[in-house]
Amino acid sequence: DDEEEVLKKTSHTKKCRKLEKKFVCPVCFEDILPEEGHGLSECGHAFCFECLQGHISSKLSERQVSHLFCPDPNCQKMKIELESQDIRACTIDAPRGKNKLENIRLWQNYQH
């Protein structure tokens, strides 16, 4: 499927948590601007797109789709699976950059 077809087939209705200020990603410890990260809808923990994409990609490659939880080891909601809108926000809805096609493939792998 091309990018337009993938975007047409997928939609989300639940609103993701909007980040409003700079934060430190708890995985890579980098200062992240709001538009460079994502706050998870269930627990509110925020991560940079790169780290969340890496987490999602790792779990998918290990065939552990049912283990897609918040990557923060101290998360009180750690056993609640990531919402599909969180995964979408970190893949096909992520700011377009050098990983555009990789993000589309990641989303497609999650859906299968």
Foldseek 3Di string as FASTA:
>chain_A
DDLVVLVVVDDDDDDFDQDDAWDQAPPPRDTDGRLQWGQFRPQRHIHGLVVLLVLLVVCLVVVNLQQQAPPPPPGPPRNDHGDLVRLCCSACVRPDDPCNVVSSVSNVSSVD
